[in-house]
Amino acid sequence: MKKFEFTLKKMQNYQEQVLQKEKNAMGQLQARRNELAACQEEIKIQLQDIHWEMDREIRKGTTIYRINTFTMMIKNGKTHLEDIKRQISVLETEIEVQRQIVVEASKEVSKLTKLEEKQREEYRQAVAKEEQENVLEYISGKFVKQGVS
């Protein structure tokens, strides 16, 4: 009997490539989200530092110009934070869409893998049956030769 060959191997390879491509795309989206989250945390720390510095200078005594400068820095930081929050929200939506695409691609690969396993099992059963028939044929042939002699 010839060697086992999965009839849909090319399709399975293609689906695995699609799955890997989609996983990579999701990984890139997650990496971008993580970069933005790190930037967001950094800005929060900077805003805390600015607040601390502004409070320190107010207690020490400072000019209105200096207080306005701190206020503008805080306002710009908060605006930047809001912008980053919006970007993260958009990325979260894109990641969820991409996650669904990955799940579907994974299902396709899984279907083909199960089909391959089923075909492989059918092949094993056919080989076993063929071997059993060969053994029976051999034994029958031996009995016939012994009976003829």
N, C-alpha and C. Protein backbone atom coordinates (compact mmCIF):
# COMPACT_ATOMS: atom_id res chain seq x y z
N MET A 1 0.86 -1.18 0.00
CA MET A 1 0.00 0.00 0.00
C MET A 1 0.91 1.23 0.00
N LYS A 2 0.45 2.26 -0.72
CA LYS A 2 1.28 3.48 -0.79
C LYS A 2 1.25 4.25 0.53
N LYS A 3 2.24 5.12 0.67
CA LYS A 3 2.40 5.93 1.87
C LYS A 3 1.22 6.88 2.04
N PHE A 4 0.88 7.19 3.31
CA PHE A 4 -0.23 8.10 3.59
C PHE A 4 0.09 9.50 3.10
N GLU A 5 -0.89 10.11 2.44
CA GLU A 5 -0.75 11.49 2.00
C GLU A 5 -2.07 12.21 2.22
N PHE A 6 -2.04 13.27 3.02
CA PHE A 6 -3.26 14.04 3.29
C PHE A 6 -3.63 14.79 2.04
N THR A 7 -4.85 14.58 1.59
CA THR A 7 -5.28 15.14 0.31
C THR A 7 -5.40 16.67 0.32
N LEU A 8 -5.61 17.25 1.50
CA LEU A 8 -5.78 18.70 1.59
C LEU A 8 -4.57 19.38 2.26
N LYS A 9 -3.39 18.79 2.10
CA LYS A 9 -2.19 19.32 2.76
C LYS A 9 -1.88 20.76 2.32
N LYS A 10 -2.03 21.04 1.04
CA LYS A 10 -1.76 22.39 0.55
C LYS A 10 -2.73 23.39 1.18
N MET A 11 -3.99 23.00 1.26
CA MET A 11 -5.00 23.86 1.89
C MET A 11 -4.67 24.07 3.37
N GLN A 12 -4.27 23.00 4.03
CA GLN A 12 -3.92 23.08 5.45
C GLN A 12 -2.72 24.02 5.65
N ASN A 13 -1.71 23.89 4.81
CA ASN A 13 -0.54 24.77 4.90
C ASN A 13 -0.94 26.23 4.68
N TYR A 14 -1.81 26.46 3.70
CA TYR A 14 -2.27 27.82 3.43
C TYR A 14 -3.02 28.38 4.64
N GLN A 15 -3.92 27.59 5.21
CA GLN A 15 -4.70 28.04 6.36
C GLN A 15 -3.78 28.32 7.55
N GLU A 16 -2.74 27.52 7.73
CA GLU A 16 -1.79 27.75 8.82
C GLU A 16 -1.03 29.06 8.59
N GLN A 17 -0.70 29.35 7.34
CA GLN A 17 -0.03 30.61 7.03
C GLN A 17 -0.95 31.79 7.30
N VAL A 18 -2.20 31.65 6.93
CA VAL A 18 -3.19 32.72 7.19
C VAL A 18 -3.31 32.94 8.70
N LEU A 19 -3.41 31.85 9.44
CA LEU A 19 -3.51 31.95 10.91
C LEU A 19 -2.30 32.67 11.48
N GLN A 20 -1.11 32.30 11.02
CA GLN A 20 0.11 32.93 11.54
C GLN A 20 0.14 34.41 11.20
N LYS A 21 -0.28 34.76 9.98
CA LYS A 21 -0.31 36.17 9.56
C LYS A 21 -1.27 36.96 10.44
N GLU A 22 -2.43 36.40 10.71
CA GLU A 22 -3.43 37.08 11.54
C GLU A 22 -2.95 37.21 12.98
N LYS A 23 -2.28 36.19 13.49
CA LYS A 23 -1.72 36.27 14.85
C LYS A 23 -0.66 37.36 14.92
N ASN A 24 0.16 37.45 13.88
CA ASN A 24 1.19 38.51 13.85
C ASN A 24 0.55 39.89 13.83
N ALA A 25 -0.52 40.03 13.04
CA ALA A 25 -1.21 41.33 12.99
C ALA A 25 -1.78 41.68 14.36
N MET A 26 -2.35 40.71 15.05
CA MET A 26 -2.89 40.96 16.38
C MET A 26 -1.76 41.31 17.35
N GLY A 27 -0.64 40.63 17.22
CA GLY A 27 0.51 40.92 18.08
C GLY A 27 1.01 42.35 17.89
N GLN A 28 1.00 42.82 16.64
CA GLN A 28 1.42 44.19 16.37
C GLN A 28 0.45 45.20 17.00
N LEU A 29 -0.83 44.90 16.90
CA LEU A 29 -1.82 45.79 17.52
C LEU A 29 -1.64 45.82 19.04
N GLN A 30 -1.42 44.65 19.64
CA GLN A 30 -1.23 44.59 21.08
C GLN A 30 0.05 45.31 21.50
N ALA A 31 1.09 45.18 20.69
CA ALA A 31 2.34 45.88 21.01
C ALA A 31 2.14 47.40 20.96
N ARG A 32 1.40 47.86 19.98
CA ARG A 32 1.12 49.30 19.88
C ARG A 32 0.31 49.77 21.07
N ARG A 33 -0.70 48.97 21.46
CA ARG A 33 -1.51 49.31 22.63
C ARG A 33 -0.63 49.38 23.88
N ASN A 34 0.27 48.43 24.03
CA ASN A 34 1.16 48.41 25.19
C ASN A 34 2.09 49.62 25.20
N GLU A 35 2.55 50.02 24.01
CA GLU A 35 3.40 51.22 23.92
C GLU A 35 2.61 52.45 24.38
N LEU A 36 1.38 52.56 23.91
CA LEU A 36 0.55 53.70 24.30
C LEU A 36 0.25 53.69 25.80
N ALA A 37 0.00 52.50 26.35
CA ALA A 37 -0.27 52.40 27.79
C ALA A 37 0.96 52.82 28.59
N ALA A 38 2.14 52.45 28.12
CA ALA A 38 3.38 52.86 28.80
C ALA A 38 3.56 54.37 28.70
N CYS A 39 3.26 54.92 27.54
CA CYS A 39 3.34 56.37 27.36
C CYS A 39 2.34 57.08 28.27
N GLN A 40 1.16 56.50 28.39
CA GLN A 40 0.12 57.06 29.26
C GLN A 40 0.61 57.10 30.71
N GLU A 41 1.21 56.03 31.16
CA GLU A 41 1.73 55.99 32.54
C GLU A 41 2.85 57.01 32.73
N GLU A 42 3.68 57.14 31.72
CA GLU A 42 4.78 58.11 31.81
C GLU A 42 4.24 59.53 31.93
N ILE A 43 3.21 59.85 31.15
CA ILE A 43 2.60 61.19 31.22
C ILE A 43 1.96 61.41 32.58
N LYS A 44 1.31 60.41 33.12
CA LYS A 44 0.71 60.54 34.45
C LYS A 44 1.78 60.87 35.49
N ILE A 45 2.90 60.21 35.40
CA ILE A 45 4.00 60.47 36.34
C ILE A 45 4.51 61.90 36.15
N GLN A 46 4.64 62.32 34.90
CA GLN A 46 5.11 63.69 34.63
C GLN A 46 4.11 64.71 35.17
N LEU A 47 2.82 64.44 35.03
CA LEU A 47 1.82 65.36 35.56
C LEU A 47 1.90 65.43 37.09
N GLN A 48 2.12 64.31 37.74
CA GLN A 48 2.28 64.32 39.19
C GLN A 48 3.50 65.15 39.58
N ASP A 49 4.59 64.99 38.83
CA ASP A 49 5.79 65.78 39.10
C ASP A 49 5.54 67.28 38.91
N ILE A 50 4.79 67.61 37.86
CA ILE A 50 4.48 69.03 37.61
C ILE A 50 3.63 69.59 38.74
N HIS A 51 2.62 68.81 39.17
CA HIS A 51 1.78 69.25 40.30
C HIS A 51 2.63 69.45 41.55
N TRP A 52 3.50 68.52 41.80
CA TRP A 52 4.35 68.61 42.99
C TRP A 52 5.24 69.84 42.91
N GLU A 53 5.84 70.06 41.73
CA GLU A 53 6.72 71.23 41.54
C GLU A 53 5.92 72.52 41.66
N MET A 54 4.72 72.57 41.11
CA MET A 54 3.89 73.77 41.18
C MET A 54 3.51 74.06 42.65
N ASP A 55 3.10 73.03 43.38
CA ASP A 55 2.75 73.22 44.80
C ASP A 55 3.96 73.73 45.58
N ARG A 56 5.11 73.15 45.29
CA ARG A 56 6.33 73.56 46.00
C ARG A 56 6.63 75.04 45.73
N GLU A 57 6.51 75.44 44.47
CA GLU A 57 6.82 76.84 44.13
C GLU A 57 5.77 77.80 44.68
N ILE A 58 4.51 77.36 44.70
CA ILE A 58 3.46 78.22 45.27
C ILE A 58 3.73 78.46 46.75
N ARG A 59 4.08 77.39 47.49
CA ARG A 59 4.38 77.55 48.91
C ARG A 59 5.62 78.43 49.13
N LYS A 60 6.56 78.31 48.24
CA LYS A 60 7.79 79.09 48.34
C LYS A 60 7.54 80.54 47.93
N GLY A 61 6.57 80.73 47.03
CA GLY A 61 6.28 82.06 46.52
C GLY A 61 6.81 82.18 45.10
N THR A 62 5.93 82.41 44.17
CA THR A 62 6.34 82.48 42.76
C THR A 62 5.48 83.50 42.03
N THR A 63 5.74 83.66 40.75
CA THR A 63 5.01 84.66 39.96
C THR A 63 3.79 84.02 39.30
N ILE A 64 2.86 84.86 38.91
CA ILE A 64 1.66 84.40 38.20
C ILE A 64 2.07 83.76 36.88
N TYR A 65 3.08 84.34 36.25
CA TYR A 65 3.57 83.78 34.98
C TYR A 65 4.01 82.33 35.16
N ARG A 66 4.73 82.05 36.22
CA ARG A 66 5.22 80.69 36.50
C ARG A 66 4.04 79.73 36.79
N ILE A 67 3.05 80.21 37.53
CA ILE A 67 1.87 79.39 37.83
C ILE A 67 1.10 79.10 36.53
N ASN A 68 0.97 80.13 35.67
CA ASN A 68 0.30 79.93 34.37
C ASN A 68 1.07 78.92 33.50
N THR A 69 2.37 78.96 33.58
CA THR A 69 3.18 78.00 32.83
C THR A 69 2.89 76.57 33.30
N PHE A 70 2.87 76.39 34.63
CA PHE A 70 2.54 75.06 35.18
C PHE A 70 1.13 74.63 34.75
N THR A 71 0.19 75.57 34.81
CA THR A 71 -1.20 75.27 34.45
C THR A 71 -1.29 74.84 32.98
N MET A 72 -0.58 75.53 32.11
CA MET A 72 -0.57 75.16 30.69
C MET A 72 0.06 73.78 30.48
N MET A 73 1.14 73.50 31.20
CA MET A 73 1.78 72.20 31.10
C MET A 73 0.82 71.09 31.54
N ILE A 74 0.09 71.35 32.62
CA ILE A 74 -0.89 70.37 33.12
C ILE A 74 -2.01 70.18 32.10
N LYS A 75 -2.50 71.29 31.55
CA LYS A 75 -3.58 71.23 30.57
C LYS A 75 -3.13 70.45 29.33
N ASN A 76 -1.93 70.73 28.84
CA ASN A 76 -1.40 70.02 27.67
C ASN A 76 -1.23 68.52 27.97
N GLY A 77 -0.75 68.22 29.17
CA GLY A 77 -0.57 66.82 29.56
C GLY A 77 -1.90 66.08 29.61
N LYS A 78 -2.93 66.74 30.17
CA LYS A 78 -4.25 66.11 30.23
C LYS A 78 -4.84 65.91 28.84
N THR A 79 -4.64 66.88 27.97
CA THR A 79 -5.11 66.75 26.58
C THR A 79 -4.41 65.58 25.90
N HIS A 80 -3.11 65.49 26.11
CA HIS A 80 -2.35 64.38 25.54
C HIS A 80 -2.84 63.04 26.10
N LEU A 81 -3.13 63.01 27.41
CA LEU A 81 -3.66 61.78 28.03
C LEU A 81 -5.00 61.37 27.40
N GLU A 82 -5.87 62.33 27.19
CA GLU A 82 -7.17 62.03 26.58
C GLU A 82 -6.99 61.49 25.17
N ASP A 83 -6.05 62.08 24.43
CA ASP A 83 -5.77 61.61 23.07
C ASP A 83 -5.26 60.17 23.11
N ILE A 84 -4.39 59.86 24.03
CA ILE A 84 -3.87 58.50 24.16
C ILE A 84 -4.98 57.54 24.56
N LYS A 85 -5.86 57.97 25.47
CA LYS A 85 -6.99 57.12 25.86
C LYS A 85 -7.86 56.77 24.66
N ARG A 86 -8.11 57.77 23.80
CA ARG A 86 -8.91 57.52 22.60
C ARG A 86 -8.20 56.53 21.67
N GLN A 87 -6.90 56.72 21.50
CA GLN A 87 -6.13 55.81 20.65
C GLN A 87 -6.16 54.38 21.21
N ILE A 88 -6.02 54.25 22.51
CA ILE A 88 -6.07 52.93 23.15
C ILE A 88 -7.45 52.31 22.95
N SER A 89 -8.49 53.10 23.08
CA SER A 89 -9.85 52.60 22.89
C SER A 89 -10.04 52.08 21.46
N VAL A 90 -9.56 52.83 20.49
CA VAL A 90 -9.65 52.40 19.09
C VAL A 90 -8.86 51.10 18.90
N LEU A 91 -7.67 51.05 19.47
CA LEU A 91 -6.85 49.84 19.35
C LEU A 91 -7.52 48.63 20.01
N GLU A 92 -8.17 48.85 21.14
CA GLU A 92 -8.87 47.75 21.82
C GLU A 92 -9.95 47.18 20.91
N THR A 93 -10.66 48.06 20.22
CA THR A 93 -11.70 47.61 19.29
C THR A 93 -11.06 46.83 18.14
N GLU A 94 -9.97 47.35 17.59
CA GLU A 94 -9.28 46.66 16.50
C GLU A 94 -8.74 45.31 16.96
N ILE A 95 -8.23 45.25 18.18
CA ILE A 95 -7.70 44.00 18.72
C ILE A 95 -8.82 42.98 18.86
N GLU A 96 -9.99 43.41 19.31
CA GLU A 96 -11.11 42.48 19.46
C GLU A 96 -11.56 41.94 18.10
N VAL A 97 -11.61 42.81 17.09
CA VAL A 97 -11.95 42.37 15.74
C VAL A 97 -10.90 41.37 15.25
N GLN A 98 -9.64 41.71 15.47
CA GLN A 98 -8.55 40.83 15.04
C GLN A 98 -8.60 39.50 15.79
N ARG A 99 -8.97 39.55 17.06
CA ARG A 99 -9.09 38.31 17.85
C ARG A 99 -10.12 37.38 17.23
N GLN A 100 -11.25 37.95 16.79
CA GLN A 100 -12.28 37.13 16.14
C GLN A 100 -11.76 36.52 14.83
N ILE A 101 -10.98 37.30 14.10
CA ILE A 101 -10.39 36.79 12.86
C ILE A 101 -9.44 35.63 13.17
N VAL A 102 -8.63 35.79 14.22
CA VAL A 102 -7.70 34.72 14.61
C VAL A 102 -8.48 33.47 15.05
N VAL A 103 -9.55 33.67 15.79
CA VAL A 103 -10.36 32.52 16.24
C VAL A 103 -10.92 31.77 15.02
N GLU A 104 -11.44 32.50 14.06
CA GLU A 104 -11.99 31.86 12.85
C GLU A 104 -10.90 31.13 12.07
N ALA A 105 -9.74 31.76 11.92
CA ALA A 105 -8.63 31.11 11.21
C ALA A 105 -8.18 29.86 11.96
N SER A 106 -8.17 29.95 13.27
CA SER A 106 -7.79 28.81 14.10
C SER A 106 -8.79 27.66 13.94
N LYS A 107 -10.06 28.00 13.83
CA LYS A 107 -11.08 26.97 13.62
C LYS A 107 -10.87 26.26 12.28
N GLU A 108 -10.52 27.03 11.26
CA GLU A 108 -10.28 26.43 9.94
C GLU A 108 -9.11 25.46 9.99
N VAL A 109 -8.03 25.87 10.65
CA VAL A 109 -6.87 24.99 10.79
C VAL A 109 -7.24 23.75 11.59
N SER A 110 -8.01 23.95 12.63
CA SER A 110 -8.43 22.83 13.47
C SER A 110 -9.28 21.83 12.68
N LYS A 111 -10.19 22.34 11.86
CA LYS A 111 -11.03 21.46 11.03
C LYS A 111 -10.16 20.59 10.12
N LEU A 112 -9.17 21.23 9.49
CA LEU A 112 -8.32 20.49 8.58
C LEU A 112 -7.44 19.49 9.33
N THR A 113 -7.00 19.85 10.51
CA THR A 113 -6.19 18.93 11.32
C THR A 113 -7.02 17.71 11.72
N LYS A 114 -8.25 17.94 12.12
CA LYS A 114 -9.13 16.82 12.49
C LYS A 114 -9.42 15.94 11.28
N LEU A 115 -9.61 16.57 10.13
CA LEU A 115 -9.84 15.80 8.91
C LEU A 115 -8.61 14.96 8.56
N GLU A 116 -7.44 15.55 8.74
CA GLU A 116 -6.20 14.79 8.49
C GLU A 116 -6.11 13.59 9.44
N GLU A 117 -6.41 13.82 10.71
CA GLU A 117 -6.38 12.72 11.68
C GLU A 117 -7.36 11.62 11.29
N LYS A 118 -8.54 12.02 10.82
CA LYS A 118 -9.56 11.04 10.41
C LYS A 118 -9.06 10.24 9.21
N GLN A 119 -8.50 10.96 8.22
CA GLN A 119 -7.98 10.27 7.04
C GLN A 119 -6.82 9.35 7.41
N ARG A 120 -5.97 9.79 8.33
CA ARG A 120 -4.84 8.97 8.76
C ARG A 120 -5.34 7.69 9.45
N GLU A 121 -6.39 7.82 10.27
CA GLU A 121 -6.96 6.65 10.95
C GLU A 121 -7.57 5.70 9.93
N GLU A 122 -8.27 6.23 8.94
CA GLU A 122 -8.84 5.39 7.89
C GLU A 122 -7.73 4.66 7.13
N TYR A 123 -6.63 5.36 6.89
CA TYR A 123 -5.48 4.76 6.22
C TYR A 123 -4.92 3.62 7.06
N ARG A 124 -4.76 3.85 8.36
CA ARG A 124 -4.24 2.80 9.26
C ARG A 124 -5.16 1.57 9.24
N GLN A 125 -6.47 1.81 9.26
CA GLN A 125 -7.43 0.70 9.22
C GLN A 125 -7.33 -0.05 7.91
N ALA A 126 -7.16 0.65 6.81
CA ALA A 126 -7.03 0.01 5.50
C ALA A 126 -5.75 -0.82 5.44
N VAL A 127 -4.65 -0.28 5.99
CA VAL A 127 -3.38 -1.02 6.02
C VAL A 127 -3.54 -2.27 6.87
N ALA A 128 -4.17 -2.14 8.03
CA ALA A 128 -4.38 -3.29 8.91
C ALA A 128 -5.23 -4.35 8.21
N LYS A 129 -6.26 -3.92 7.51
CA LYS A 129 -7.14 -4.85 6.81
C LYS A 129 -6.37 -5.56 5.69
N GLU A 130 -5.57 -4.80 4.97
CA GLU A 130 -4.77 -5.38 3.88
C GLU A 130 -3.78 -6.40 4.44
N GLU A 131 -3.14 -6.06 5.55
CA GLU A 131 -2.20 -6.99 6.17
C GLU A 131 -2.92 -8.25 6.64
N GLN A 132 -4.11 -8.08 7.20
CA GLN A 132 -4.90 -9.23 7.65
C GLN A 132 -5.27 -10.11 6.45
N GLU A 133 -5.67 -9.50 5.36
CA GLU A 133 -6.02 -10.27 4.15
C GLU A 133 -4.79 -11.00 3.62
N ASN A 134 -3.61 -10.35 3.65
CA ASN A 134 -2.39 -11.00 3.19
C ASN A 134 -2.06 -12.21 4.06
N VAL A 135 -2.24 -12.07 5.37
CA VAL A 135 -1.97 -13.18 6.28
C VAL A 135 -2.94 -14.32 5.99
N LEU A 136 -4.23 -14.00 5.84
CA LEU A 136 -5.23 -15.03 5.54
C LEU A 136 -4.94 -15.71 4.21
N GLU A 137 -4.54 -14.94 3.23
CA GLU A 137 -4.21 -15.50 1.93
C GLU A 137 -3.00 -16.42 2.03
N TYR A 138 -2.02 -16.01 2.80
CA TYR A 138 -0.82 -16.83 2.99
C TYR A 138 -1.18 -18.14 3.68
N ILE A 139 -1.99 -18.03 4.75
CA ILE A 139 -2.39 -19.23 5.50
C ILE A 139 -3.24 -20.13 4.62
N SER A 140 -4.18 -19.55 3.87
CA SER A 140 -5.03 -20.35 2.98
C SER A 140 -4.18 -21.05 1.93
N GLY A 141 -3.22 -20.32 1.40
CA GLY A 141 -2.32 -20.90 0.39
C GLY A 141 -1.52 -22.04 0.97
N LYS A 142 -1.09 -21.93 2.21
CA LYS A 142 -0.31 -22.96 2.88
C LYS A 142 -1.16 -24.20 3.09
N PHE A 143 -2.44 -23.99 3.51
CA PHE A 143 -3.34 -25.13 3.71
C PHE A 143 -3.62 -25.84 2.39
N VAL A 144 -3.81 -25.07 1.34
CA VAL A 144 -4.10 -25.64 0.03
C VAL A 144 -2.91 -26.48 -0.43
N LYS A 145 -1.68 -25.97 -0.23
CA LYS A 145 -0.47 -26.69 -0.63
C LYS A 145 -0.35 -27.97 0.21
N GLN A 146 -0.66 -27.90 1.49
CA GLN A 146 -0.54 -29.07 2.36
C GLN A 146 -1.62 -30.09 1.99
N GLY A 147 -2.78 -29.62 1.65
CA GLY A 147 -3.88 -30.52 1.29
C GLY A 147 -3.63 -31.19 -0.05
N VAL A 148 -2.97 -30.50 -0.97
CA VAL A 148 -2.68 -31.03 -2.29
C VAL A 148 -1.57 -32.07 -2.17
N SER A 149 -0.61 -31.88 -1.30
CA SER A 149 0.53 -32.80 -1.20
C SER A 149 0.18 -34.10 -0.64
